[in-house]
Amino acid sequence: MIPTLNGINKAFESKARLGIMSVLMVNESVDFSTLKSLLSLTDGNLSSHTRALEELGYIQCEKRFIGRKPNTSFSITKAGSQAFKEHLKALEEFIKNTSA
């Protein structure tokens, strides 16, 4: 029997989105600059991936000013945390079922 990839969430197939979700799973909140540095992404690349995850309801964005400087930070939502855990569980199951 060939194992299937049931439960794999297409929203997390991208290396960038997988990284964003992984960082946010273990941090309450992360600002744009830190996330960009941790994942070695360009501004545009990070913006497009965070926007997509935000539109899915998996992360939330907070824009504010710290002093006179704008600051954008991201945090994971309950729905995002649940979806990511289910994705990781599906990957683990796939790996277990493919060992010879």
C-alpha atoms as a PDB file:
ATOM      1  CA  MET A   1       0.000   0.000   0.000  1.00  0.00           C
ATOM      2  CA  ILE A   2       1.380   3.396  -0.978  1.00  0.00           C
ATOM      3  CA  PRO A   3       1.051   5.983   1.795  1.00  0.00           C
ATOM      4  CA  THR A   4      -0.910   9.082   0.887  1.00  0.00           C
ATOM      5  CA  LEU A   5      -0.325  12.677   1.750  1.00  0.00           C
ATOM      6  CA  ASN A   6      -3.775  13.140   3.261  1.00  0.00           C
ATOM      7  CA  GLY A   7      -3.759  15.892   5.825  1.00  0.00           C
ATOM      8  CA  ILE A   8      -0.883  17.782   4.241  1.00  0.00           C
ATOM      9  CA  ASN A   9      -1.841  21.460   4.153  1.00  0.00           C
ATOM     10  CA  LYS A  10      -0.918  23.127   0.847  1.00  0.00           C
ATOM     11  CA  ALA A  11      -0.581  26.452   2.670  1.00  0.00           C
ATOM     12  CA  PHE A  12       2.596  25.131   4.305  1.00  0.00           C
ATOM     13  CA  GLU A  13       4.272  23.575   1.253  1.00  0.00           C
ATOM     14  CA  SER A  14       6.483  26.624   0.723  1.00  0.00           C
ATOM     15  CA  LYS A  15       9.778  26.660   2.599  1.00  0.00           C
ATOM     16  CA  ALA A  16       9.134  30.291   3.554  1.00  0.00           C
ATOM     17  CA  ARG A  17       5.670  29.583   4.985  1.00  0.00           C
ATOM     18  CA  LEU A  18       6.917  26.518   6.804  1.00  0.00           C
ATOM     19  CA  GLY A  19       9.623  28.709   8.354  1.00  0.00           C
ATOM     20  CA  ILE A  20       7.217  31.502   9.274  1.00  0.00           C
ATOM     21  CA  MET A  21       4.858  29.093  10.996  1.00  0.00           C
ATOM     22  CA  SER A  22       7.701  27.292  12.780  1.00  0.00           C
ATOM     23  CA  VAL A  23       9.075  30.545  14.185  1.00  0.00           C
ATOM     24  CA  LEU A  24       5.639  31.729  15.282  1.00  0.00           C
ATOM     25  CA  MET A  25       4.810  28.407  16.952  1.00  0.00           C
ATOM     26  CA  VAL A  26       7.600  28.948  19.473  1.00  0.00           C
ATOM     27  CA  ASN A  27       7.407  32.731  19.877  1.00  0.00           C
ATOM     28  CA  GLU A  28       4.480  34.767  21.124  1.00  0.00           C
ATOM     29  CA  SER A  29       5.177  37.472  18.556  1.00  0.00           C
ATOM     30  CA  VAL A  30       7.963  38.252  16.064  1.00  0.00           C
ATOM     31  CA  ASP A  31       8.587  41.529  14.268  1.00  0.00           C
ATOM     32  CA  PHE A  32       9.056  41.795  10.512  1.00  0.00           C
ATOM     33  CA  SER A  33      12.799  42.525  10.658  1.00  0.00           C
ATOM     34  CA  THR A  34      13.534  39.591  12.949  1.00  0.00           C
ATOM     35  CA  LEU A  35      11.467  37.187  10.842  1.00  0.00           C
ATOM     36  CA  LYS A  36      13.155  38.454   7.676  1.00  0.00           C
ATOM     37  CA  SER A  37      16.599  37.939   9.212  1.00  0.00           C
ATOM     38  CA  LEU A  38      15.846  34.502  10.691  1.00  0.00           C
ATOM     39  CA  LEU A  39      14.496  33.165   7.402  1.00  0.00           C
ATOM     40  CA  SER A  40      16.840  35.048   5.033  1.00  0.00           C
ATOM     41  CA  LEU A  41      13.927  36.408   2.999  1.00  0.00           C
ATOM     42  CA  THR A  42      13.535  39.630   1.056  1.00  0.00           C
ATOM     43  CA  ASP A  43      10.983  42.221   2.147  1.00  0.00           C
ATOM     44  CA  GLY A  44       8.719  41.391  -0.791  1.00  0.00           C
ATOM     45  CA  ASN A  45       8.964  37.651  -0.326  1.00  0.00           C
ATOM     46  CA  LEU A  46       8.202  37.834   3.394  1.00  0.00           C
ATOM     47  CA  SER A  47       5.344  40.272   2.775  1.00  0.00           C
ATOM     48  CA  SER A  48       3.656  38.048   0.209  1.00  0.00           C
ATOM     49  CA  HIS A  49       3.906  34.901   2.338  1.00  0.00           C
ATOM     50  CA  THR A  50       2.729  36.589   5.541  1.00  0.00           C
ATOM     51  CA  ARG A  51      -0.175  38.176   3.642  1.00  0.00           C
ATOM     52  CA  ALA A  52      -1.244  34.770   2.316  1.00  0.00           C
ATOM     53  CA  LEU A  53      -1.086  33.194   5.780  1.00  0.00           C
ATOM     54  CA  GLU A  54      -2.969  36.133   7.242  1.00  0.00           C
ATOM     55  CA  GLU A  55      -5.717  35.819   4.611  1.00  0.00           C
ATOM     56  CA  LEU A  56      -6.112  32.158   5.594  1.00  0.00           C
ATOM     57  CA  GLY A  57      -6.514  33.214   9.234  1.00  0.00           C
ATOM     58  CA  TYR A  58      -3.358  31.376  10.332  1.00  0.00           C
ATOM     59  CA  ILE A  59      -1.417  34.432  11.514  1.00  0.00           C
ATOM     60  CA  GLN A  60      -2.289  37.946  12.552  1.00  0.00           C
ATOM     61  CA  CYS A  61      -0.429  41.150  11.856  1.00  0.00           C
ATOM     62  CA  GLU A  62      -0.124  44.099  14.220  1.00  0.00           C
ATOM     63  CA  LYS A  63       1.144  47.443  12.960  1.00  0.00           C
ATOM     64  CA  ARG A  64       2.150  50.109  15.447  1.00  0.00           C
ATOM     65  CA  PHE A  65       4.732  52.760  16.113  1.00  0.00           C
ATOM     66  CA  ILE A  66       7.566  52.376  18.566  1.00  0.00           C
ATOM     67  CA  GLY A  67       8.642  55.920  19.139  1.00  0.00           C
ATOM     68  CA  ARG A  68       8.562  57.363  15.646  1.00  0.00           C
ATOM     69  CA  LYS A  69       9.401  54.114  13.868  1.00  0.00           C
ATOM     70  CA  PRO A  70       6.744  51.856  12.347  1.00  0.00           C
ATOM     71  CA  ASN A  71       6.809  48.282  13.622  1.00  0.00           C
ATOM     72  CA  THR A  72       5.003  45.289  12.156  1.00  0.00           C
ATOM     73  CA  SER A  73       4.782  42.114  14.187  1.00  0.00           C
ATOM     74  CA  PHE A  74       3.169  38.754  13.598  1.00  0.00           C
ATOM     75  CA  SER A  75       1.671  36.123  15.859  1.00  0.00           C
ATOM     76  CA  ILE A  76       0.007  32.795  15.219  1.00  0.00           C
ATOM     77  CA  THR A  77      -3.743  32.369  15.661  1.00  0.00           C
ATOM     78  CA  LYS A  78      -5.447  29.417  17.329  1.00  0.00           C
ATOM     79  CA  ALA A  79      -6.610  28.242  13.909  1.00  0.00           C
ATOM     80  CA  GLY A  80      -3.068  28.572  12.567  1.00  0.00           C
ATOM     81  CA  SER A  81      -1.581  26.642  15.456  1.00  0.00           C
ATOM     82  CA  GLN A  82      -4.117  23.844  15.024  1.00  0.00           C
ATOM     83  CA  ALA A  83      -3.652  23.690  11.242  1.00  0.00           C
ATOM     84  CA  PHE A  84       0.131  23.601  11.579  1.00  0.00           C
ATOM     85  CA  LYS A  85       0.026  20.850  14.211  1.00  0.00           C
ATOM     86  CA  GLU A  86      -2.244  18.786  11.954  1.00  0.00           C
ATOM     87  CA  HIS A  87       0.143  19.369   9.044  1.00  0.00           C
ATOM     88  CA  LEU A  88       3.137  18.207  11.090  1.00  0.00           C
ATOM     89  CA  LYS A  89       1.221  15.160  12.313  1.00  0.00           C
ATOM     90  CA  ALA A  90       0.325  14.247   8.721  1.00  0.00           C
ATOM     91  CA  LEU A  91       3.987  14.558   7.713  1.00  0.00           C
ATOM     92  CA  GLU A  92       5.046  12.334  10.620  1.00  0.00           C
ATOM     93  CA  GLU A  93       2.461   9.720   9.639  1.00  0.00           C
ATOM     94  CA  PHE A  94       3.619   9.807   6.028  1.00  0.00           C
ATOM     95  CA  ILE A  95       7.250   9.329   7.096  1.00  0.00           C
ATOM     96  CA  LYS A  96       6.351   6.435   9.426  1.00  0.00           C
ATOM     97  CA  ASN A  97       4.381   4.714   6.678  1.00  0.00           C
ATOM     98  CA  THR A  98       7.113   5.003   4.057  1.00  0.00           C
ATOM     99  CA  SER A  99       9.887   3.276   5.958  1.00  0.00           C
ATOM    100  CA  ALA A 100      10.834  -0.082   4.499  1.00  0.00           C
END
